[in-house]
Amino acid sequence: MPGSLDYSDLDYLFAPTDSPHEHPLLNRKRYIKRFHRMMTMHYLITQWFGTFLHDGKKVVKTILFPKDEKEVAERLLMIKKGKILEEEKELVKGWKDVVTNDVRLSKIAEYHPNVSLFKTVEIKPETYGFNLGLLQKASVKVAESETMEYLEKKDLQVIQMIKSFDDLVSFSNNLSERLNEWNSLPSPDDSIIVISELKKQVEHTIDSLEEAILQRMQKVAPNLATVAGPLLGARLIMLAGGLDRLARMPASTIQIIGAERALFRYKHGEGTPPKHGVIFQHHLMRKVKPSQRGKVARLVAAKCATAAKADVFTKRDLSAELKKDITKRLREIQHV
């Protein structure tokens, strides 16, 4: 019967915790106590239109959400983010032995994911004056909100900025080559002046964009900007697919990020494994001997990993400490 209590679900109440040497009377009292608890248990169930307490046979307490698409969407977003609703906290006040199958609610109810009542109970929105049209509108609001949150992520702005920067640098280099070839002609056309002006404009835009990246990186990933430099830090974020993903990468992956083609060739029996990827652009790589670059790449990658984790998780300023560690370790590498 839908919504009825299946006592087999509550075997955890009768777990074999009793000692074999325990007196039978004490054993019986314990089982009676557990059975009484089973009979007084209530089930916390949250639907898109409200939150409910169920006693195994019927709903005994209800708190409905406002019949407004924005209000419903707000609560759906909170649930998706793992937050406990105020209505849920209010619902369980004064009630004992409340059970939930939602780990999100484990702080206000006892978590038991395998109770079948949660799968069979039917609480219909129509019973409480709600309709699926409201759910559809609220779902659209949720999708719009999640899209806006995604687009407003600061590291996404960094990714677009560094992509544009690299595109403009490449374009500027192509213009330089074209102008050099054009100037080598005996009688260059006056149109060369237009291309020269275009190149100046592109270079000005590159300078402005570089400054913008520097400022953005100081806000988004200050530790990473210090360790890697703003431009390289931005490229690492871009290649990782975001700052959060970069922060979850091991240092060994960060070390070779950007060298995927070389790694692919090596895995297919061609060449040697790459020692570094885009991290080769770090200014320290140009200050050491070729034989020391592998160690320096590992050093920089390790500190970039620490910096990214600090920027994402702890928000602590480790820049001075990381710079000191790099300087110390670099001296050791150079004097080996």
C-alpha atoms as a PDB file:
ATOM      1  CA  MET A   1       0.000   0.000   0.000  1.00  0.00           C
ATOM      2  CA  PRO A   2       1.562   3.345  -1.057  1.00  0.00           C
ATOM      3  CA  GLY A   3       2.645   5.424   1.914  1.00  0.00           C
ATOM      4  CA  SER A   4       2.257   2.611   4.445  1.00  0.00           C
ATOM      5  CA  LEU A   5       5.062   1.639   6.794  1.00  0.00           C
ATOM      6  CA  ASP A   6       7.163  -1.342   5.761  1.00  0.00           C
ATOM      7  CA  TYR A   7       8.550  -2.725   9.015  1.00  0.00           C
ATOM      8  CA  SER A   8      11.290  -4.616   7.205  1.00  0.00           C
ATOM      9  CA  ASP A   9      12.865  -1.236   6.466  1.00  0.00           C
ATOM     10  CA  LEU A  10      13.506  -0.712  10.152  1.00  0.00           C
ATOM     11  CA  ASP A  11      15.808  -3.662  10.751  1.00  0.00           C
ATOM     12  CA  TYR A  12      18.490  -1.204  11.788  1.00  0.00           C
ATOM     13  CA  LEU A  13      16.480  -0.631  14.987  1.00  0.00           C
ATOM     14  CA  PHE A  14      16.940  -4.276  15.886  1.00  0.00           C
ATOM     15  CA  ALA A  15      20.608  -4.611  15.092  1.00  0.00           C
ATOM     16  CA  PRO A  16      22.306  -7.410  17.068  1.00  0.00           C
ATOM     17  CA  THR A  17      23.999  -5.184  19.615  1.00  0.00           C
ATOM     18  CA  ASP A  18      22.930  -7.250  22.639  1.00  0.00           C
ATOM     19  CA  SER A  19      25.511  -9.238  24.525  1.00  0.00           C
ATOM     20  CA  PRO A  20      24.933 -13.041  24.510  1.00  0.00           C
ATOM     21  CA  HIS A  21      25.426 -12.931  28.286  1.00  0.00           C
ATOM     22  CA  GLU A  22      22.753 -10.267  28.828  1.00  0.00           C
ATOM     23  CA  HIS A  23      19.816 -11.195  31.045  1.00  0.00           C
ATOM     24  CA  PRO A  24      16.711 -12.115  28.913  1.00  0.00           C
ATOM     25  CA  LEU A  25      14.543  -9.581  30.757  1.00  0.00           C
ATOM     26  CA  LEU A  26      16.918  -6.735  29.911  1.00  0.00           C
ATOM     27  CA  ASN A  27      17.029  -7.983  26.344  1.00  0.00           C
ATOM     28  CA  ARG A  28      13.218  -7.903  26.136  1.00  0.00           C
ATOM     29  CA  LYS A  29      13.044  -4.392  27.584  1.00  0.00           C
ATOM     30  CA  ARG A  30      15.501  -3.185  24.991  1.00  0.00           C
ATOM     31  CA  TYR A  31      13.435  -4.631  22.158  1.00  0.00           C
ATOM     32  CA  ILE A  32      10.248  -3.111  23.577  1.00  0.00           C
ATOM     33  CA  LYS A  33      11.947   0.265  23.762  1.00  0.00           C
ATOM     34  CA  ARG A  34      13.124  -0.038  20.170  1.00  0.00           C
ATOM     35  CA  PHE A  35       9.705  -1.138  18.974  1.00  0.00           C
ATOM     36  CA  HIS A  36       8.122   1.861  20.715  1.00  0.00           C
ATOM     37  CA  ARG A  37      10.601   4.124  18.960  1.00  0.00           C
ATOM     38  CA  MET A  38       9.721   2.521  15.639  1.00  0.00           C
ATOM     39  CA  MET A  39       6.022   3.217  16.201  1.00  0.00           C
ATOM     40  CA  THR A  40       6.641   6.890  17.053  1.00  0.00           C
ATOM     41  CA  MET A  41       9.050   7.587  14.203  1.00  0.00           C
ATOM     42  CA  HIS A  42       8.320  10.369  11.689  1.00  0.00           C
ATOM     43  CA  TYR A  43       9.654  10.850   8.198  1.00  0.00           C
ATOM     44  CA  LEU A  44      10.851  14.204   6.890  1.00  0.00           C
ATOM     45  CA  ILE A  45       9.930  14.615   3.221  1.00  0.00           C
ATOM     46  CA  THR A  46      10.512  17.745   1.151  1.00  0.00           C
ATOM     47  CA  GLN A  47       8.822  18.260  -2.207  1.00  0.00           C
ATOM     48  CA  TRP A  48       9.111  21.206  -4.577  1.00  0.00           C
ATOM     49  CA  PHE A  49       5.982  22.780  -3.073  1.00  0.00           C
ATOM     50  CA  GLY A  50       6.546  22.196   0.644  1.00  0.00           C
ATOM     51  CA  THR A  51       8.020  20.079   3.424  1.00  0.00           C
ATOM     52  CA  PHE A  52       6.139  17.368   5.333  1.00  0.00           C
ATOM     53  CA  LEU A  53       6.272  15.052   8.342  1.00  0.00           C
ATOM     54  CA  HIS A  54       4.807  11.602   7.688  1.00  0.00           C
ATOM     55  CA  ASP A  55       4.076   9.016  10.389  1.00  0.00           C
ATOM     56  CA  GLY A  56       4.077   6.029   8.035  1.00  0.00           C
ATOM     57  CA  LYS A  57       0.357   6.289   7.318  1.00  0.00           C
ATOM     58  CA  LYS A  58      -0.393   9.944   6.733  1.00  0.00           C
ATOM     59  CA  VAL A  59       1.049  13.457   6.719  1.00  0.00           C
ATOM     60  CA  VAL A  60       0.900  14.856  10.255  1.00  0.00           C
ATOM     61  CA  LYS A  61       2.504  18.259   9.747  1.00  0.00           C
ATOM     62  CA  THR A  62       2.943  20.510   6.722  1.00  0.00           C
ATOM     63  CA  ILE A  63       4.707  23.737   5.824  1.00  0.00           C
ATOM     64  CA  LEU A  64       3.967  24.838   2.267  1.00  0.00           C
ATOM     65  CA  PHE A  65       6.134  27.134   0.178  1.00  0.00           C
ATOM     66  CA  PRO A  66       4.694  30.400  -1.191  1.00  0.00           C
ATOM     67  CA  LYS A  67       2.808  29.955  -4.475  1.00  0.00           C
ATOM     68  CA  ASP A  68       5.267  32.128  -6.334  1.00  0.00           C
ATOM     69  CA  GLU A  69       7.692  30.961  -9.030  1.00  0.00           C
ATOM     70  CA  LYS A  70      10.576  33.071  -7.663  1.00  0.00           C
ATOM     71  CA  GLU A  71      10.057  31.802  -4.117  1.00  0.00           C
ATOM     72  CA  VAL A  72       9.867  28.182  -5.270  1.00  0.00           C
ATOM     73  CA  ALA A  73      12.946  28.647  -7.485  1.00  0.00           C
ATOM     74  CA  GLU A  74      14.881  30.132  -4.565  1.00  0.00           C
ATOM     75  CA  ARG A  75      14.175  27.063  -2.436  1.00  0.00           C
ATOM     76  CA  LEU A  76      14.997  24.652  -5.254  1.00  0.00           C
ATOM     77  CA  LEU A  77      18.359  26.379  -5.695  1.00  0.00           C
ATOM     78  CA  MET A  78      19.085  26.125  -1.974  1.00  0.00           C
ATOM     79  CA  ILE A  79      18.270  22.415  -2.052  1.00  0.00           C
ATOM     80  CA  LYS A  80      20.553  21.887  -5.056  1.00  0.00           C
ATOM     81  CA  LYS A  81      23.357  23.621  -3.152  1.00  0.00           C
ATOM     82  CA  GLY A  82      22.866  21.300  -0.172  1.00  0.00           C
ATOM     83  CA  LYS A  83      21.414  23.895   2.190  1.00  0.00           C
ATOM     84  CA  ILE A  84      18.712  23.258   4.785  1.00  0.00           C
ATOM     85  CA  LEU A  85      15.560  25.338   4.325  1.00  0.00           C
ATOM     86  CA  GLU A  86      14.130  27.424   7.149  1.00  0.00           C
ATOM     87  CA  GLU A  87      10.805  25.632   6.622  1.00  0.00           C
ATOM     88  CA  GLU A  88      12.513  22.289   7.237  1.00  0.00           C
ATOM     89  CA  LYS A  89      14.100  23.526  10.464  1.00  0.00           C
ATOM     90  CA  GLU A  90      10.746  24.861  11.642  1.00  0.00           C
ATOM     91  CA  LEU A  91       8.935  21.649  10.714  1.00  0.00           C
ATOM     92  CA  VAL A  92      11.026  19.363  12.946  1.00  0.00           C
ATOM     93  CA  LYS A  93      11.050  21.633  16.007  1.00  0.00           C
ATOM     94  CA  GLY A  94       9.716  19.727  19.014  1.00  0.00           C
ATOM     95  CA  TRP A  95       9.610  16.386  17.191  1.00  0.00           C
ATOM     96  CA  LYS A  96      11.731  13.404  18.178  1.00  0.00           C
ATOM     97  CA  ASP A  97      12.816  10.392  16.135  1.00  0.00           C
ATOM     98  CA  VAL A  98      12.649  12.173  12.776  1.00  0.00           C
ATOM     99  CA  VAL A  99      14.149  10.215   9.873  1.00  0.00           C
ATOM    100  CA  THR A 100      15.321  11.403   6.450  1.00  0.00           C
ATOM    101  CA  ASN A 101      16.762   9.745   3.353  1.00  0.00           C
ATOM    102  CA  ASP A 102      18.403  13.013   2.250  1.00  0.00           C
ATOM    103  CA  VAL A 103      21.982  13.488   3.475  1.00  0.00           C
ATOM    104  CA  ARG A 104      21.416  17.241   3.142  1.00  0.00           C
ATOM    105  CA  LEU A 105      19.050  17.023   6.136  1.00  0.00           C
ATOM    106  CA  SER A 106      21.261  14.819   8.315  1.00  0.00           C
ATOM    107  CA  LYS A 107      21.886  17.696  10.749  1.00  0.00           C
ATOM    108  CA  ILE A 108      18.215  17.986  11.681  1.00  0.00           C
ATOM    109  CA  ALA A 109      17.056  14.376  11.225  1.00  0.00           C
ATOM    110  CA  GLU A 110      18.454  10.857  11.484  1.00  0.00           C
ATOM    111  CA  TYR A 111      19.824   9.799   8.110  1.00  0.00           C
ATOM    112  CA  HIS A 112      18.641   6.394   6.815  1.00  0.00           C
ATOM    113  CA  PRO A 113      18.776   6.226   2.995  1.00  0.00           C
ATOM    114  CA  ASN A 114      17.250   2.763   2.512  1.00  0.00           C
ATOM    115  CA  VAL A 115      13.792   3.157   4.045  1.00  0.00           C
ATOM    116  CA  SER A 116      11.355   2.281   1.241  1.00  0.00           C
ATOM    117  CA  LEU A 117       8.606   4.595   2.515  1.00  0.00           C
ATOM    118  CA  PHE A 118      10.465   7.523   0.994  1.00  0.00           C
ATOM    119  CA  LYS A 119      10.123   5.879  -2.424  1.00  0.00           C
ATOM    120  CA  THR A 120       6.489   4.817  -2.119  1.00  0.00           C
ATOM    121  CA  VAL A 121       4.798   7.666  -0.263  1.00  0.00           C
ATOM    122  CA  GLU A 122       2.673   9.934  -2.462  1.00  0.00           C
ATOM    123  CA  ILE A 123       2.298  13.608  -1.607  1.00  0.00           C
ATOM    124  CA  LYS A 124       0.627  15.263  -4.569  1.00  0.00           C
ATOM    125  CA  PRO A 125       0.900  19.008  -5.268  1.00  0.00           C
ATOM    126  CA  GLU A 126      -2.755  19.156  -6.361  1.00  0.00           C
ATOM    127  CA  THR A 127      -3.817  18.153  -2.854  1.00  0.00           C
ATOM    128  CA  TYR A 128      -2.330  21.403  -1.562  1.00  0.00           C
ATOM    129  CA  GLY A 129      -3.469  23.685  -4.372  1.00  0.00           C
ATOM    130  CA  PHE A 130      -0.259  23.627  -6.437  1.00  0.00           C
ATOM    131  CA  ASN A 131       0.020  22.761 -10.130  1.00  0.00           C
ATOM    132  CA  LEU A 132       2.835  21.608 -12.395  1.00  0.00           C
ATOM    133  CA  GLY A 133       2.705  24.876 -14.331  1.00  0.00           C
ATOM    134  CA  LEU A 134       4.225  26.624 -11.321  1.00  0.00           C
ATOM    135  CA  LEU A 135       6.975  23.994 -11.139  1.00  0.00           C
ATOM    136  CA  GLN A 136       7.760  24.522 -14.816  1.00  0.00           C
ATOM    137  CA  LYS A 137       8.077  28.296 -14.366  1.00  0.00           C
ATOM    138  CA  ALA A 138      10.203  27.841 -11.241  1.00  0.00           C
ATOM    139  CA  SER A 139      12.463  25.388 -13.087  1.00  0.00           C
ATOM    140  CA  VAL A 140      13.046  27.996 -15.796  1.00  0.00           C
ATOM    141  CA  LYS A 141      14.017  30.498 -13.084  1.00  0.00           C
ATOM    142  CA  VAL A 142      16.436  27.960 -11.597  1.00  0.00           C
ATOM    143  CA  ALA A 143      18.063  27.368 -14.990  1.00  0.00           C
ATOM    144  CA  GLU A 144      18.373  31.118 -15.603  1.00  0.00           C
ATOM    145  CA  SER A 145      19.915  31.672 -12.178  1.00  0.00           C
ATOM    146  CA  GLU A 146      22.437  28.850 -12.613  1.00  0.00           C
ATOM    147  CA  THR A 147      23.387  30.187 -16.042  1.00  0.00           C
ATOM    148  CA  MET A 148      23.965  33.668 -14.620  1.00  0.00           C
ATOM    149  CA  GLU A 149      26.068  32.258 -11.767  1.00  0.00           C
ATOM    150  CA  TYR A 150      28.164  30.376 -14.307  1.00  0.00           C
ATOM    151  CA  LEU A 151      28.665  33.400 -16.544  1.00  0.00           C
ATOM    152  CA  GLU A 152      29.515  35.647 -13.606  1.00  0.00           C
ATOM    153  CA  LYS A 153      32.338  33.435 -12.390  1.00  0.00           C
ATOM    154  CA  LYS A 154      35.399  35.631 -12.293  1.00  0.00           C
ATOM    155  CA  ASP A 155      37.731  32.965 -13.640  1.00  0.00           C
ATOM    156  CA  LEU A 156      35.633  32.721 -16.822  1.00  0.00           C
ATOM    157  CA  GLN A 157      36.408  36.373 -17.463  1.00  0.00           C
ATOM    158  CA  VAL A 158      40.100  35.589 -16.989  1.00  0.00           C
ATOM    159  CA  ILE A 159      39.873  32.740 -19.500  1.00  0.00           C
ATOM    160  CA  GLN A 160      38.315  34.960 -22.172  1.00  0.00           C
ATOM    161  CA  MET A 161      40.815  37.734 -21.486  1.00  0.00           C
ATOM    162  CA  ILE A 162      43.891  35.513 -21.848  1.00  0.00           C
ATOM    163  CA  LYS A 163      42.482  33.885 -24.986  1.00  0.00           C
ATOM    164  CA  SER A 164      41.937  37.330 -26.509  1.00  0.00           C
ATOM    165  CA  PHE A 165      45.406  38.423 -25.394  1.00  0.00           C
ATOM    166  CA  ASP A 166      47.096  35.437 -27.044  1.00  0.00           C
ATOM    167  CA  ASP A 167      45.040  35.910 -30.227  1.00  0.00           C
ATOM    168  CA  LEU A 168      46.047  39.571 -30.433  1.00  0.00           C
ATOM    169  CA  VAL A 169      49.731  38.767 -29.837  1.00  0.00           C
ATOM    170  CA  SER A 170      49.615  36.210 -32.637  1.00  0.00           C
ATOM    171  CA  PHE A 171      47.863  38.722 -34.908  1.00  0.00           C
ATOM    172  CA  SER A 172      50.444  41.387 -34.071  1.00  0.00           C
ATOM    173  CA  ASN A 173      53.298  39.007 -34.910  1.00  0.00           C
ATOM    174  CA  ASN A 174      51.678  38.192 -38.252  1.00  0.00           C
ATOM    175  CA  LEU A 175      51.328  41.900 -39.015  1.00  0.00           C
ATOM    176  CA  SER A 176      55.013  42.433 -38.190  1.00  0.00           C
ATOM    177  CA  GLU A 177      56.054  39.701 -40.611  1.00  0.00           C
ATOM    178  CA  ARG A 178      53.814  41.119 -43.302  1.00  0.00           C
ATOM    179  CA  LEU A 179      55.194  44.645 -42.810  1.00  0.00           C
ATOM    180  CA  ASN A 180      58.794  43.404 -42.948  1.00  0.00           C
ATOM    181  CA  GLU A 181      58.129  41.613 -46.225  1.00  0.00           C
ATOM    182  CA  TRP A 182      56.306  44.642 -47.598  1.00  0.00           C
ATOM    183  CA  ASN A 183      59.084  47.053 -46.620  1.00  0.00           C
ATOM    184  CA  SER A 184      61.641  44.866 -48.378  1.00  0.00           C
ATOM    185  CA  LEU A 185      60.015  45.605 -51.725  1.00  0.00           C
ATOM    186  CA  PRO A 186      61.690  48.283 -53.918  1.00  0.00           C
ATOM    187  CA  SER A 187      58.639  50.558 -53.936  1.00  0.00           C
ATOM    188  CA  PRO A 188      56.166  49.672 -51.144  1.00  0.00           C
ATOM    189  CA  ASP A 189      52.609  50.874 -51.638  1.00  0.00           C
ATOM    190  CA  ASP A 190      51.163  53.668 -49.495  1.00  0.00           C
ATOM    191  CA  SER A 191      48.724  51.107 -48.077  1.00  0.00           C
ATOM    192  CA  ILE A 192      51.540  49.985 -45.815  1.00  0.00           C
ATOM    193  CA  ILE A 193      50.804  53.040 -43.676  1.00  0.00           C
ATOM    194  CA  VAL A 194      47.325  51.685 -42.922  1.00  0.00           C
ATOM    195  CA  ILE A 195      48.786  48.344 -41.804  1.00  0.00           C
ATOM    196  CA  SER A 196      51.371  50.117 -39.659  1.00  0.00           C
ATOM    197  CA  GLU A 197      48.640  52.102 -37.919  1.00  0.00           C
ATOM    198  CA  LEU A 198      46.639  48.923 -37.391  1.00  0.00           C
ATOM    199  CA  LYS A 199      49.645  47.264 -35.776  1.00  0.00           C
ATOM    200  CA  LYS A 200      50.052  50.217 -33.395  1.00  0.00           C
ATOM    201  CA  GLN A 201      46.395  49.953 -32.391  1.00  0.00           C
ATOM    202  CA  VAL A 202      46.729  46.214 -31.802  1.00  0.00           C
ATOM    203  CA  GLU A 203      49.838  46.730 -29.660  1.00  0.00           C
ATOM    204  CA  HIS A 204      48.028  49.374 -27.618  1.00  0.00           C
ATOM    205  CA  THR A 205      45.124  46.972 -27.081  1.00  0.00           C
ATOM    206  CA  ILE A 206      47.557  44.225 -26.033  1.00  0.00           C
ATOM    207  CA  ASP A 207      49.110  46.513 -23.425  1.00  0.00           C
ATOM    208  CA  SER A 208      45.689  47.508 -22.079  1.00  0.00           C
ATOM    209  CA  LEU A 209      44.522  43.903 -21.945  1.00  0.00           C
ATOM    210  CA  GLU A 210      47.691  42.786 -20.163  1.00  0.00           C
ATOM    211  CA  GLU A 211      47.085  45.401 -17.467  1.00  0.00           C
ATOM    212  CA  ALA A 212      43.459  44.285 -17.179  1.00  0.00           C
ATOM    213  CA  ILE A 213      44.552  40.649 -16.765  1.00  0.00           C
ATOM    214  CA  LEU A 214      47.019  41.674 -14.058  1.00  0.00           C
ATOM    215  CA  GLN A 215      44.297  43.484 -12.113  1.00  0.00           C
ATOM    216  CA  ARG A 216      41.762  40.685 -12.597  1.00  0.00           C
ATOM    217  CA  MET A 217      44.219  38.005 -11.482  1.00  0.00           C
ATOM    218  CA  GLN A 218      44.994  39.965  -8.313  1.00  0.00           C
ATOM    219  CA  LYS A 219      41.301  39.706  -7.430  1.00  0.00           C
ATOM    220  CA  VAL A 220      40.586  36.178  -8.661  1.00  0.00           C
ATOM    221  CA  ALA A 221      43.810  34.307  -7.853  1.00  0.00           C
ATOM    222  CA  PRO A 222      46.315  36.539  -6.038  1.00  0.00           C
ATOM    223  CA  ASN A 223      48.507  33.674  -4.816  1.00  0.00           C
ATOM    224  CA  LEU A 224      48.688  32.087  -8.260  1.00  0.00           C
ATOM    225  CA  ALA A 225      49.395  35.474  -9.859  1.00  0.00           C
ATOM    226  CA  THR A 226      52.357  35.927  -7.502  1.00  0.00           C
ATOM    227  CA  VAL A 227      53.841  32.469  -8.050  1.00  0.00           C
ATOM    228  CA  ALA A 228      53.241  32.054 -11.785  1.00  0.00           C
ATOM    229  CA  GLY A 229      52.850  35.651 -12.885  1.00  0.00           C
ATOM    230  CA  PRO A 230      49.503  37.065 -14.058  1.00  0.00           C
ATOM    231  CA  LEU A 231      49.739  35.914 -17.684  1.00  0.00           C
ATOM    232  CA  LEU A 232      51.016  32.393 -17.013  1.00  0.00           C
ATOM    233  CA  GLY A 233      48.574  32.030 -14.125  1.00  0.00           C
ATOM    234  CA  ALA A 234      45.725  33.007 -16.439  1.00  0.00           C
ATOM    235  CA  ARG A 235      46.910  30.472 -19.044  1.00  0.00           C
ATOM    236  CA  LEU A 236      47.005  27.719 -16.425  1.00  0.00           C
ATOM    237  CA  ILE A 237      43.423  28.575 -15.439  1.00  0.00           C
ATOM    238  CA  MET A 238      42.403  28.535 -19.115  1.00  0.00           C
ATOM    239  CA  LEU A 239      44.058  25.183 -19.873  1.00  0.00           C
ATOM    240  CA  ALA A 240      42.635  23.602 -16.711  1.00  0.00           C
ATOM    241  CA  GLY A 241      39.129  24.803 -17.567  1.00  0.00           C
ATOM    242  CA  GLY A 242      38.781  27.019 -14.508  1.00  0.00           C
ATOM    243  CA  LEU A 243      40.478  27.942 -11.247  1.00  0.00           C
ATOM    244  CA  ASP A 244      38.507  25.362  -9.272  1.00  0.00           C
ATOM    245  CA  ARG A 245      39.663  22.563 -11.584  1.00  0.00           C
ATOM    246  CA  LEU A 246      43.242  23.805 -11.418  1.00  0.00           C
ATOM    247  CA  ALA A 247      43.095  23.772  -7.606  1.00  0.00           C
ATOM    248  CA  ARG A 248      42.078  20.101  -7.679  1.00  0.00           C
ATOM    249  CA  MET A 249      44.914  19.047  -9.980  1.00  0.00           C
ATOM    250  CA  PRO A 250      48.070  17.407  -8.610  1.00  0.00           C
ATOM    251  CA  ALA A 251      51.330  19.257  -9.181  1.00  0.00           C
ATOM    252  CA  SER A 252      52.470  16.564 -11.630  1.00  0.00           C
ATOM    253  CA  THR A 253      49.539  17.380 -13.919  1.00  0.00           C
ATOM    254  CA  ILE A 254      50.065  21.135 -13.649  1.00  0.00           C
ATOM    255  CA  GLN A 255      53.712  20.616 -14.603  1.00  0.00           C
ATOM    256  CA  ILE A 256      52.838  19.191 -18.032  1.00  0.00           C
ATOM    257  CA  ILE A 257      49.542  20.978 -18.706  1.00  0.00           C
ATOM    258  CA  GLY A 258      49.743  22.372 -22.223  1.00  0.00           C
ATOM    259  CA  ALA A 259      51.996  19.533 -23.421  1.00  0.00           C
ATOM    260  CA  GLU A 260      49.169  17.145 -24.241  1.00  0.00           C
ATOM    261  CA  ARG A 261      50.402  16.467 -27.780  1.00  0.00           C
ATOM    262  CA  ALA A 262      53.882  15.506 -26.608  1.00  0.00           C
ATOM    263  CA  LEU A 263      52.374  13.297 -23.911  1.00  0.00           C
ATOM    264  CA  PHE A 264      50.090  11.658 -26.478  1.00  0.00           C
ATOM    265  CA  ARG A 265      53.040  10.911 -28.775  1.00  0.00           C
ATOM    266  CA  TYR A 266      55.032   9.464 -25.880  1.00  0.00           C
ATOM    267  CA  LYS A 267      52.164   7.186 -24.855  1.00  0.00           C
ATOM    268  CA  HIS A 268      52.076   5.894 -28.426  1.00  0.00           C
ATOM    269  CA  GLY A 269      55.764   5.043 -28.451  1.00  0.00           C
ATOM    270  CA  GLU A 270      57.186   8.229 -29.944  1.00  0.00           C
ATOM    271  CA  GLY A 271      59.727  10.503 -28.282  1.00  0.00           C
ATOM    272  CA  THR A 272      60.308  11.071 -24.568  1.00  0.00           C
ATOM    273  CA  PRO A 273      57.864  12.102 -21.833  1.00  0.00           C
ATOM    274  CA  PRO A 274      57.445  15.900 -21.566  1.00  0.00           C
ATOM    275  CA  LYS A 275      59.108  17.534 -18.558  1.00  0.00           C
ATOM    276  CA  HIS A 276      56.989  20.660 -18.742  1.00  0.00           C
ATOM    277  CA  GLY A 277      54.139  22.250 -20.621  1.00  0.00           C
ATOM    278  CA  VAL A 278      53.069  25.887 -20.619  1.00  0.00           C
ATOM    279  CA  ILE A 279      54.878  26.273 -17.301  1.00  0.00           C
ATOM    280  CA  PHE A 280      58.041  26.551 -19.422  1.00  0.00           C
ATOM    281  CA  GLN A 281      56.996  30.204 -19.894  1.00  0.00           C
ATOM    282  CA  HIS A 282      57.783  30.916 -16.231  1.00  0.00           C
ATOM    283  CA  HIS A 283      60.579  33.477 -15.925  1.00  0.00           C
ATOM    284  CA  LEU A 284      62.678  31.156 -13.726  1.00  0.00           C
ATOM    285  CA  MET A 285      62.965  28.627 -16.552  1.00  0.00           C
ATOM    286  CA  ARG A 286      65.120  31.110 -18.466  1.00  0.00           C
ATOM    287  CA  LYS A 287      67.445  31.649 -15.504  1.00  0.00           C
ATOM    288  CA  VAL A 288      68.630  28.077 -15.077  1.00  0.00           C
ATOM    289  CA  LYS A 289      70.635  25.593 -17.112  1.00  0.00           C
ATOM    290  CA  PRO A 290      68.729  23.254 -19.446  1.00  0.00           C
ATOM    291  CA  SER A 291      69.692  20.335 -17.196  1.00  0.00           C
ATOM    292  CA  GLN A 292      67.991  22.060 -14.241  1.00  0.00           C
ATOM    293  CA  ARG A 293      64.718  22.908 -15.964  1.00  0.00           C
ATOM    294  CA  GLY A 294      63.005  19.670 -15.009  1.00  0.00           C
ATOM    295  CA  LYS A 295      63.575  20.317 -11.302  1.00  0.00           C
ATOM    296  CA  VAL A 296      62.536  23.958 -11.618  1.00  0.00           C
ATOM    297  CA  ALA A 297      59.390  22.930 -13.492  1.00  0.00           C
ATOM    298  CA  ARG A 298      58.491  20.565 -10.626  1.00  0.00           C
ATOM    299  CA  LEU A 299      59.181  23.325  -8.109  1.00  0.00           C
ATOM    300  CA  VAL A 300      57.023  25.897  -9.900  1.00  0.00           C
ATOM    301  CA  ALA A 301      54.224  23.377 -10.506  1.00  0.00           C
ATOM    302  CA  ALA A 302      54.160  22.388  -6.831  1.00  0.00           C
ATOM    303  CA  LYS A 303      53.945  26.002  -5.685  1.00  0.00           C
ATOM    304  CA  CYS A 304      51.294  26.800  -8.325  1.00  0.00           C
ATOM    305  CA  ALA A 305      49.240  23.885  -6.988  1.00  0.00           C
ATOM    306  CA  THR A 306      49.544  25.226  -3.431  1.00  0.00           C
ATOM    307  CA  ALA A 307      48.718  28.762  -4.582  1.00  0.00           C
ATOM    308  CA  ALA A 308      45.619  27.673  -6.520  1.00  0.00           C
ATOM    309  CA  LYS A 309      44.336  25.663  -3.546  1.00  0.00           C
ATOM    310  CA  ALA A 310      44.791  28.675  -1.278  1.00  0.00           C
ATOM    311  CA  ASP A 311      42.947  30.930  -3.743  1.00  0.00           C
ATOM    312  CA  VAL A 312      40.003  28.524  -4.004  1.00  0.00           C
ATOM    313  CA  PHE A 313      39.665  26.912  -0.588  1.00  0.00           C
ATOM    314  CA  THR A 314      41.315  28.850   2.245  1.00  0.00           C
ATOM    315  CA  LYS A 315      41.500  32.351   0.695  1.00  0.00           C
ATOM    316  CA  ARG A 316      44.712  32.879   2.694  1.00  0.00           C
ATOM    317  CA  ASP A 317      47.479  35.123   1.394  1.00  0.00           C
ATOM    318  CA  LEU A 318      50.457  32.778   1.022  1.00  0.00           C
ATOM    319  CA  SER A 319      52.268  34.860  -1.604  1.00  0.00           C
ATOM    320  CA  ALA A 320      55.205  35.955   0.580  1.00  0.00           C
ATOM    321  CA  GLU A 321      55.680  32.463   2.001  1.00  0.00           C
ATOM    322  CA  LEU A 322      55.532  30.825  -1.439  1.00  0.00           C
ATOM    323  CA  LYS A 323      58.004  33.307  -2.950  1.00  0.00           C
ATOM    324  CA  LYS A 324      60.407  32.650  -0.076  1.00  0.00           C
ATOM    325  CA  ASP A 325      60.123  28.876  -0.553  1.00  0.00           C
ATOM    326  CA  ILE A 326      60.753  29.178  -4.301  1.00  0.00           C
ATOM    327  CA  THR A 327      63.821  31.379  -3.798  1.00  0.00           C
ATOM    328  CA  LYS A 328      65.294  28.992  -1.234  1.00  0.00           C
ATOM    329  CA  ARG A 329      64.696  25.874  -3.316  1.00  0.00           C
ATOM    330  CA  LEU A 330      65.986  27.566  -6.490  1.00  0.00           C
ATOM    331  CA  ARG A 331      69.309  28.294  -4.791  1.00  0.00           C
ATOM    332  CA  GLU A 332      69.574  24.644  -3.793  1.00  0.00           C
ATOM    333  CA  ILE A 333      68.911  23.511  -7.376  1.00  0.00           C
ATOM    334  CA  GLN A 334      71.450  25.927  -8.848  1.00  0.00           C
ATOM    335  CA  HIS A 335      74.204  24.902  -6.428  1.00  0.00           C
ATOM    336  CA  VAL A 336      73.861  21.155  -6.854  1.00  0.00           C
END
